[in-house]
N, C-alpha and C. Protein backbone atom coordinates (compact mmCIF):
# COMPACT_ATOMS: atom_id res chain seq x y z
N MET A 1 -21.04 -0.79 9.25
CA MET A 1 -20.74 -1.89 10.12
C MET A 1 -20.46 -1.30 11.51
N ASP A 2 -20.84 -2.05 12.54
CA ASP A 2 -20.59 -1.60 13.90
C ASP A 2 -19.10 -1.42 14.15
N THR A 3 -18.78 -0.46 14.99
CA THR A 3 -17.38 -0.18 15.34
C THR A 3 -16.69 -1.40 15.92
N GLU A 4 -17.40 -2.16 16.74
CA GLU A 4 -16.81 -3.37 17.36
C GLU A 4 -16.34 -4.36 16.30
N LEU A 5 -17.16 -4.59 15.28
CA LEU A 5 -16.78 -5.52 14.20
C LEU A 5 -15.65 -4.94 13.35
N GLU A 6 -15.73 -3.64 13.06
CA GLU A 6 -14.64 -3.01 12.31
C GLU A 6 -13.32 -3.17 13.05
N ASN A 7 -13.34 -2.93 14.34
CA ASN A 7 -12.11 -3.03 15.13
C ASN A 7 -11.53 -4.44 15.11
N LYS A 8 -12.39 -5.45 15.07
CA LYS A 8 -11.90 -6.83 14.94
C LYS A 8 -11.09 -7.00 13.66
N LEU A 9 -11.62 -6.46 12.57
CA LEU A 9 -10.90 -6.54 11.29
C LEU A 9 -9.60 -5.75 11.35
N TYR A 10 -9.66 -4.54 11.90
CA TYR A 10 -8.48 -3.69 11.98
C TYR A 10 -7.37 -4.34 12.80
N GLU A 11 -7.76 -5.02 13.90
CA GLU A 11 -6.77 -5.66 14.76
C GLU A 11 -6.18 -6.91 14.11
N LYS A 12 -7.02 -7.68 13.44
CA LYS A 12 -6.56 -8.94 12.85
C LYS A 12 -5.79 -8.72 11.54
N TYR A 13 -6.17 -7.69 10.79
CA TYR A 13 -5.56 -7.45 9.47
C TYR A 13 -5.11 -5.99 9.33
N PRO A 14 -4.24 -5.52 10.22
CA PRO A 14 -3.85 -4.10 10.17
C PRO A 14 -3.18 -3.71 8.86
N GLN A 15 -2.50 -4.65 8.20
CA GLN A 15 -1.79 -4.34 6.97
C GLN A 15 -2.73 -3.90 5.86
N PHE A 16 -3.97 -4.36 5.87
CA PHE A 16 -4.92 -3.99 4.81
C PHE A 16 -5.66 -2.69 5.11
N PHE A 17 -5.75 -2.34 6.39
CA PHE A 17 -6.58 -1.21 6.80
C PHE A 17 -5.78 0.01 7.26
N SER A 18 -4.53 0.11 6.85
CA SER A 18 -3.71 1.25 7.28
C SER A 18 -4.27 2.58 6.79
N ASN A 19 -5.03 2.59 5.71
CA ASN A 19 -5.61 3.83 5.19
C ASN A 19 -6.73 4.38 6.06
N LYS A 20 -7.22 3.61 7.02
CA LYS A 20 -8.30 4.08 7.90
C LYS A 20 -7.87 5.28 8.73
N ASP A 21 -6.57 5.41 8.96
CA ASP A 21 -6.05 6.49 9.79
C ASP A 21 -5.73 7.75 9.00
N LYS A 22 -5.92 7.70 7.70
CA LYS A 22 -5.69 8.89 6.87
C LYS A 22 -6.92 9.79 6.93
N GLY A 23 -6.75 11.03 6.56
CA GLY A 23 -7.86 11.96 6.52
C GLY A 23 -8.79 11.65 5.35
N ILE A 24 -9.99 12.24 5.38
CA ILE A 24 -10.97 11.97 4.33
C ILE A 24 -10.54 12.47 2.96
N MET A 25 -9.59 13.39 2.92
CA MET A 25 -9.09 13.87 1.64
C MET A 25 -8.08 12.90 1.03
N GLN A 26 -7.51 12.00 1.86
CA GLN A 26 -6.53 11.04 1.35
C GLN A 26 -7.13 9.66 1.10
N SER A 27 -8.14 9.26 1.89
CA SER A 27 -8.71 7.92 1.72
C SER A 27 -10.12 7.86 2.27
N CYS A 28 -11.01 7.27 1.50
CA CYS A 28 -12.38 7.06 1.96
C CYS A 28 -12.46 5.99 3.05
N MET A 29 -11.37 5.25 3.25
CA MET A 29 -11.35 4.23 4.29
C MET A 29 -11.47 4.86 5.67
N SER A 30 -11.21 6.18 5.75
CA SER A 30 -11.34 6.87 7.04
C SER A 30 -12.78 6.85 7.55
N TRP A 31 -13.75 6.60 6.68
CA TRP A 31 -15.15 6.47 7.09
C TRP A 31 -15.47 5.07 7.60
N GLY A 32 -14.52 4.17 7.48
CA GLY A 32 -14.75 2.80 7.93
C GLY A 32 -15.46 1.99 6.86
N CYS A 33 -15.94 0.82 7.26
CA CYS A 33 -16.68 -0.07 6.36
C CYS A 33 -18.13 0.39 6.32
N GLU A 34 -18.56 0.88 5.17
CA GLU A 34 -19.88 1.49 5.04
C GLU A 34 -20.90 0.49 4.51
N HIS A 35 -21.21 -0.49 5.36
CA HIS A 35 -22.21 -1.50 5.02
C HIS A 35 -22.70 -2.13 6.31
N GLY A 36 -23.70 -2.97 6.21
CA GLY A 36 -24.28 -3.60 7.40
C GLY A 36 -23.41 -4.73 7.96
N ASN A 37 -23.76 -5.14 9.18
CA ASN A 37 -23.01 -6.19 9.88
C ASN A 37 -23.10 -7.55 9.20
N GLY A 38 -24.12 -7.76 8.39
CA GLY A 38 -24.31 -9.06 7.75
C GLY A 38 -23.21 -9.44 6.78
N TRP A 39 -22.45 -8.48 6.33
CA TRP A 39 -21.36 -8.76 5.39
C TRP A 39 -20.00 -8.87 6.07
N PHE A 40 -19.98 -8.82 7.41
CA PHE A 40 -18.72 -8.94 8.14
C PHE A 40 -17.95 -10.20 7.74
N ASP A 41 -18.64 -11.35 7.70
CA ASP A 41 -17.95 -12.61 7.38
C ASP A 41 -17.37 -12.62 5.97
N ILE A 42 -18.03 -11.93 5.05
CA ILE A 42 -17.49 -11.85 3.68
C ILE A 42 -16.17 -11.08 3.70
N ILE A 43 -16.15 -9.94 4.36
CA ILE A 43 -14.92 -9.13 4.43
C ILE A 43 -13.84 -9.87 5.19
N SER A 44 -14.21 -10.51 6.30
CA SER A 44 -13.23 -11.24 7.09
C SER A 44 -12.60 -12.38 6.27
N SER A 45 -13.42 -13.11 5.54
CA SER A 45 -12.92 -14.20 4.70
C SER A 45 -12.05 -13.67 3.57
N LEU A 46 -12.45 -12.55 2.98
CA LEU A 46 -11.65 -11.93 1.92
C LEU A 46 -10.27 -11.57 2.47
N CYS A 47 -10.23 -10.96 3.62
CA CYS A 47 -8.94 -10.58 4.23
C CYS A 47 -8.09 -11.82 4.47
N TRP A 48 -8.69 -12.87 4.99
CA TRP A 48 -7.94 -14.10 5.27
C TRP A 48 -7.33 -14.67 3.99
N MET A 49 -8.12 -14.71 2.92
CA MET A 49 -7.62 -15.26 1.66
C MET A 49 -6.51 -14.40 1.06
N ILE A 50 -6.66 -13.08 1.15
CA ILE A 50 -5.61 -12.20 0.64
C ILE A 50 -4.34 -12.38 1.46
N ARG A 51 -4.48 -12.49 2.78
CA ARG A 51 -3.29 -12.69 3.62
C ARG A 51 -2.58 -13.99 3.27
N GLN A 52 -3.34 -15.06 3.04
CA GLN A 52 -2.73 -16.33 2.65
C GLN A 52 -1.96 -16.19 1.34
N HIS A 53 -2.55 -15.49 0.41
CA HIS A 53 -1.90 -15.25 -0.89
C HIS A 53 -0.61 -14.45 -0.71
N GLU A 54 -0.67 -13.39 0.10
CA GLU A 54 0.51 -12.57 0.31
C GLU A 54 1.60 -13.34 1.06
N ASP A 55 1.20 -14.19 2.00
CA ASP A 55 2.19 -15.03 2.70
C ASP A 55 2.88 -15.98 1.72
N THR A 56 2.12 -16.54 0.80
CA THR A 56 2.68 -17.44 -0.21
C THR A 56 3.64 -16.67 -1.12
N LYS A 57 3.24 -15.47 -1.52
CA LYS A 57 4.11 -14.63 -2.36
C LYS A 57 5.43 -14.34 -1.63
N ALA A 58 5.35 -14.00 -0.35
CA ALA A 58 6.54 -13.68 0.43
C ALA A 58 7.44 -14.91 0.57
N TRP A 59 6.83 -16.06 0.80
CA TRP A 59 7.61 -17.30 0.93
C TRP A 59 8.33 -17.59 -0.39
N ARG A 60 7.60 -17.45 -1.51
CA ARG A 60 8.20 -17.72 -2.82
C ARG A 60 9.37 -16.77 -3.08
N LYS A 61 9.19 -15.50 -2.76
CA LYS A 61 10.25 -14.52 -2.98
C LYS A 61 11.49 -14.90 -2.17
N LYS A 62 11.29 -15.26 -0.91
CA LYS A 62 12.42 -15.64 -0.06
C LYS A 62 13.11 -16.89 -0.60
N TYR A 63 12.30 -17.86 -1.01
CA TYR A 63 12.84 -19.11 -1.57
C TYR A 63 13.70 -18.82 -2.80
N LEU A 64 13.17 -17.99 -3.70
CA LEU A 64 13.91 -17.68 -4.92
C LEU A 64 15.17 -16.87 -4.62
N GLU A 65 15.10 -15.96 -3.66
CA GLU A 65 16.30 -15.20 -3.28
C GLU A 65 17.42 -16.14 -2.86
N GLU A 66 17.06 -17.18 -2.12
CA GLU A 66 18.05 -18.11 -1.59
C GLU A 66 18.48 -19.18 -2.60
N ASN A 67 17.58 -19.56 -3.51
CA ASN A 67 17.83 -20.72 -4.36
C ASN A 67 17.93 -20.44 -5.86
N ASP A 68 17.31 -19.38 -6.31
CA ASP A 68 17.33 -19.11 -7.75
C ASP A 68 17.17 -17.60 -8.00
N PRO A 69 18.19 -16.80 -7.65
CA PRO A 69 18.09 -15.35 -7.79
C PRO A 69 17.82 -14.89 -9.22
N GLU A 70 18.27 -15.65 -10.21
CA GLU A 70 18.02 -15.27 -11.60
C GLU A 70 16.52 -15.36 -11.93
N LYS A 71 15.88 -16.40 -11.44
CA LYS A 71 14.43 -16.54 -11.68
C LYS A 71 13.65 -15.42 -10.97
N LEU A 72 14.14 -15.01 -9.81
CA LEU A 72 13.49 -13.94 -9.06
C LEU A 72 13.39 -12.66 -9.90
N LYS A 73 14.41 -12.43 -10.73
CA LYS A 73 14.42 -11.22 -11.57
C LYS A 73 13.27 -11.21 -12.58
N THR A 74 12.74 -12.38 -12.94
CA THR A 74 11.66 -12.46 -13.92
C THR A 74 10.27 -12.44 -13.26
N GLU A 75 10.23 -12.52 -11.93
CA GLU A 75 8.95 -12.52 -11.23
C GLU A 75 8.32 -11.12 -11.29
N PRO A 76 7.01 -11.03 -11.55
CA PRO A 76 6.38 -9.71 -11.52
C PRO A 76 6.41 -9.14 -10.10
N GLU A 77 6.58 -7.83 -10.01
CA GLU A 77 6.61 -7.20 -8.70
C GLU A 77 5.21 -7.22 -8.09
N TYR A 78 5.15 -7.47 -6.80
CA TYR A 78 3.88 -7.53 -6.09
C TYR A 78 3.85 -6.45 -5.02
N PHE A 79 2.79 -5.65 -5.02
CA PHE A 79 2.62 -4.62 -4.01
C PHE A 79 1.52 -5.07 -3.04
N PRO A 80 1.75 -4.93 -1.74
CA PRO A 80 0.77 -5.37 -0.75
C PRO A 80 -0.57 -4.66 -0.92
N VAL A 81 -1.64 -5.35 -0.57
CA VAL A 81 -3.00 -4.82 -0.69
C VAL A 81 -3.26 -3.82 0.44
N LYS A 82 -3.85 -2.69 0.07
CA LYS A 82 -4.33 -1.67 1.01
C LYS A 82 -5.75 -1.31 0.57
N PHE A 83 -6.71 -1.43 1.48
CA PHE A 83 -8.08 -1.06 1.14
C PHE A 83 -8.22 0.46 1.15
N ASP A 84 -8.88 0.98 0.12
CA ASP A 84 -9.14 2.41 -0.01
C ASP A 84 -10.57 2.76 0.37
N GLN A 85 -11.50 1.84 0.12
CA GLN A 85 -12.90 2.05 0.49
C GLN A 85 -13.62 0.72 0.44
N ILE A 86 -14.50 0.51 1.43
CA ILE A 86 -15.37 -0.67 1.44
C ILE A 86 -16.76 -0.16 1.77
N LYS A 87 -17.71 -0.41 0.86
CA LYS A 87 -19.06 0.13 1.04
C LYS A 87 -20.09 -0.72 0.31
N GLU A 88 -21.34 -0.37 0.54
CA GLU A 88 -22.46 -0.96 -0.20
C GLU A 88 -22.80 -0.01 -1.34
N LYS A 89 -23.07 -0.57 -2.51
CA LYS A 89 -23.54 0.23 -3.64
C LYS A 89 -24.42 -0.65 -4.51
N TYR A 90 -25.61 -0.19 -4.80
CA TYR A 90 -26.59 -0.93 -5.61
C TYR A 90 -26.83 -2.33 -5.05
N GLY A 91 -26.86 -2.45 -3.73
CA GLY A 91 -27.22 -3.71 -3.10
C GLY A 91 -26.11 -4.72 -2.97
N THR A 92 -24.90 -4.37 -3.39
CA THR A 92 -23.78 -5.30 -3.23
C THR A 92 -22.57 -4.57 -2.66
N LEU A 93 -21.64 -5.36 -2.23
CA LEU A 93 -20.40 -4.86 -1.65
C LEU A 93 -19.52 -4.28 -2.75
N ARG A 94 -18.83 -3.19 -2.43
CA ARG A 94 -17.81 -2.63 -3.32
C ARG A 94 -16.53 -2.51 -2.50
N VAL A 95 -15.46 -3.06 -3.03
CA VAL A 95 -14.16 -3.02 -2.36
C VAL A 95 -13.18 -2.35 -3.31
N TYR A 96 -12.69 -1.19 -2.92
CA TYR A 96 -11.69 -0.47 -3.70
C TYR A 96 -10.35 -0.62 -2.97
N PHE A 97 -9.31 -0.93 -3.71
CA PHE A 97 -8.02 -1.21 -3.09
C PHE A 97 -6.88 -0.87 -4.04
N SER A 98 -5.70 -0.82 -3.48
CA SER A 98 -4.49 -0.68 -4.29
C SER A 98 -3.61 -1.88 -3.99
N GLY A 99 -2.66 -2.15 -4.89
CA GLY A 99 -1.78 -3.30 -4.73
C GLY A 99 -2.43 -4.57 -5.26
N GLY A 100 -1.85 -5.70 -4.87
CA GLY A 100 -2.40 -6.98 -5.28
C GLY A 100 -2.03 -7.38 -6.70
N ASP A 101 -2.78 -8.34 -7.22
CA ASP A 101 -2.55 -8.86 -8.57
C ASP A 101 -3.87 -9.42 -9.09
N ASP A 102 -3.82 -10.15 -10.19
CA ASP A 102 -5.05 -10.70 -10.77
C ASP A 102 -5.78 -11.65 -9.81
N TYR A 103 -5.02 -12.39 -9.02
CA TYR A 103 -5.63 -13.30 -8.07
C TYR A 103 -6.45 -12.52 -7.03
N VAL A 104 -5.88 -11.43 -6.53
CA VAL A 104 -6.60 -10.60 -5.55
C VAL A 104 -7.83 -9.97 -6.21
N GLU A 105 -7.69 -9.54 -7.46
CA GLU A 105 -8.86 -9.01 -8.20
C GLU A 105 -9.99 -10.04 -8.23
N GLY A 106 -9.62 -11.30 -8.48
CA GLY A 106 -10.63 -12.36 -8.50
C GLY A 106 -11.27 -12.58 -7.16
N LEU A 107 -10.49 -12.54 -6.09
CA LEU A 107 -11.04 -12.69 -4.74
C LEU A 107 -12.03 -11.57 -4.43
N VAL A 108 -11.66 -10.35 -4.79
CA VAL A 108 -12.54 -9.20 -4.53
C VAL A 108 -13.81 -9.32 -5.35
N SER A 109 -13.70 -9.70 -6.62
CA SER A 109 -14.89 -9.87 -7.47
C SER A 109 -15.81 -10.94 -6.90
N MET A 110 -15.23 -12.02 -6.39
CA MET A 110 -16.05 -13.08 -5.81
C MET A 110 -16.77 -12.58 -4.55
N ALA A 111 -16.07 -11.85 -3.69
CA ALA A 111 -16.68 -11.31 -2.47
C ALA A 111 -17.84 -10.37 -2.83
N GLU A 112 -17.62 -9.53 -3.82
CA GLU A 112 -18.67 -8.60 -4.24
C GLU A 112 -19.89 -9.36 -4.78
N ALA A 113 -19.65 -10.40 -5.56
CA ALA A 113 -20.76 -11.19 -6.11
C ALA A 113 -21.53 -11.94 -5.01
N ILE A 114 -20.81 -12.51 -4.07
CA ILE A 114 -21.45 -13.24 -2.97
C ILE A 114 -22.35 -12.32 -2.15
N SER A 115 -21.92 -11.06 -1.97
CA SER A 115 -22.71 -10.13 -1.16
C SER A 115 -24.12 -9.92 -1.72
N GLY A 116 -24.30 -10.13 -3.00
CA GLY A 116 -25.62 -10.00 -3.61
C GLY A 116 -26.56 -11.14 -3.28
N LYS A 117 -26.09 -12.11 -2.50
CA LYS A 117 -26.90 -13.26 -2.09
C LYS A 117 -27.01 -13.36 -0.57
N ILE A 118 -26.43 -12.37 0.15
CA ILE A 118 -26.36 -12.40 1.60
C ILE A 118 -27.02 -11.13 2.16
N CYS A 119 -27.90 -11.31 3.14
CA CYS A 119 -28.56 -10.16 3.78
C CYS A 119 -27.52 -9.26 4.42
N GLU A 120 -27.56 -8.00 4.06
CA GLU A 120 -26.60 -7.04 4.58
C GLU A 120 -26.78 -6.81 6.08
N VAL A 121 -27.97 -7.07 6.60
CA VAL A 121 -28.25 -6.83 8.01
C VAL A 121 -27.80 -7.99 8.89
N CYS A 122 -28.18 -9.24 8.52
CA CYS A 122 -27.97 -10.37 9.43
C CYS A 122 -27.02 -11.45 8.92
N GLY A 123 -26.73 -11.45 7.62
CA GLY A 123 -25.83 -12.46 7.08
C GLY A 123 -26.51 -13.73 6.59
N ASN A 124 -27.84 -13.80 6.71
CA ASN A 124 -28.57 -14.95 6.17
C ASN A 124 -28.73 -14.79 4.66
N ARG A 125 -29.26 -15.83 4.03
CA ARG A 125 -29.50 -15.77 2.59
C ARG A 125 -30.44 -14.61 2.27
N GLY A 126 -30.10 -13.85 1.25
CA GLY A 126 -30.93 -12.71 0.87
C GLY A 126 -30.91 -12.52 -0.63
N GLU A 127 -31.63 -11.50 -1.06
CA GLU A 127 -31.63 -11.15 -2.48
C GLU A 127 -31.93 -9.68 -2.63
N PRO A 128 -31.45 -9.09 -3.72
CA PRO A 128 -31.72 -7.66 -3.95
C PRO A 128 -33.18 -7.44 -4.32
N ASN A 129 -33.71 -6.28 -3.93
CA ASN A 129 -35.07 -5.95 -4.33
C ASN A 129 -35.09 -5.50 -5.78
N LYS A 130 -36.26 -5.39 -6.33
CA LYS A 130 -36.41 -5.13 -7.77
C LYS A 130 -36.47 -3.65 -8.14
N GLY A 131 -36.82 -2.77 -7.19
CA GLY A 131 -36.94 -1.36 -7.54
C GLY A 131 -36.62 -0.47 -6.36
N GLY A 132 -36.57 0.83 -6.63
CA GLY A 132 -36.27 1.78 -5.57
C GLY A 132 -34.82 1.69 -5.14
N TRP A 133 -34.57 1.98 -3.87
CA TRP A 133 -33.23 1.87 -3.30
C TRP A 133 -32.88 0.41 -3.22
N ILE A 134 -31.88 -0.04 -3.95
CA ILE A 134 -31.55 -1.46 -4.02
C ILE A 134 -30.78 -1.87 -2.77
N THR A 135 -31.31 -2.88 -2.08
CA THR A 135 -30.65 -3.46 -0.93
C THR A 135 -30.78 -4.97 -1.01
N THR A 136 -29.80 -5.66 -0.48
CA THR A 136 -29.87 -7.12 -0.43
C THR A 136 -30.24 -7.51 0.99
N LEU A 137 -31.44 -8.09 1.12
CA LEU A 137 -31.97 -8.43 2.43
C LEU A 137 -32.62 -9.81 2.42
N CYS A 138 -32.71 -10.42 3.58
CA CYS A 138 -33.49 -11.65 3.73
C CYS A 138 -34.97 -11.26 3.80
N ASP A 139 -35.85 -12.25 3.68
CA ASP A 139 -37.29 -11.96 3.70
C ASP A 139 -37.71 -11.27 4.99
N SER A 140 -37.14 -11.70 6.12
CA SER A 140 -37.51 -11.14 7.41
C SER A 140 -37.15 -9.66 7.50
N HIS A 141 -35.97 -9.29 7.10
CA HIS A 141 -35.57 -7.88 7.17
C HIS A 141 -36.27 -7.03 6.11
N ARG A 142 -36.56 -7.61 4.97
CA ARG A 142 -37.31 -6.86 3.95
C ARG A 142 -38.72 -6.58 4.46
N GLU A 143 -39.32 -7.56 5.11
CA GLU A 143 -40.68 -7.40 5.67
C GLU A 143 -40.67 -6.35 6.77
N SER A 144 -39.63 -6.34 7.61
CA SER A 144 -39.57 -5.37 8.71
C SER A 144 -39.43 -3.95 8.19
N LEU A 145 -38.86 -3.77 6.99
CA LEU A 145 -38.80 -2.43 6.40
C LEU A 145 -40.16 -1.97 5.90
N LYS A 146 -40.98 -2.93 5.43
CA LYS A 146 -42.30 -2.61 4.93
C LYS A 146 -43.24 -2.29 6.08
N ASN A 147 -43.11 -3.04 7.19
CA ASN A 147 -44.02 -2.89 8.33
C ASN A 147 -43.22 -2.65 9.62
N PRO A 148 -42.65 -1.44 9.78
CA PRO A 148 -41.89 -1.20 11.01
C PRO A 148 -42.82 -1.20 12.22
N SER A 149 -42.39 -1.86 13.28
CA SER A 149 -43.24 -1.95 14.48
C SER A 149 -42.68 -1.14 15.60
């Protein structure tokens, strides 16, 4: 993904991308988002949904602290999401992360599945090719790979 688009994500959702500043021996996120610009909206939407979920979790925790501390003791502990790597693999998005819960797992699985229907280059409707290096592209970008001008 272009640096400009990555920086938009980093600025809007710094809590998820703190691993980008680690060395390559500590986190693959230091390489940035390793996929085309067409999947920017998928990642941006994923971040938004995770942030909404985390905000709800924080609100619930505060509410229980003030109103029902005994119930708070039975709540499962929640660790904030940190992305470890975001890349393309076999024509779809792969998002590796730490923290979260089953709901976040579902959001990530949905984002990965949707990427298999979206052109990695432009964000239009696409599909994976049948052989060779698997990429998810729209007809226009697949044709341009066959006949570069």
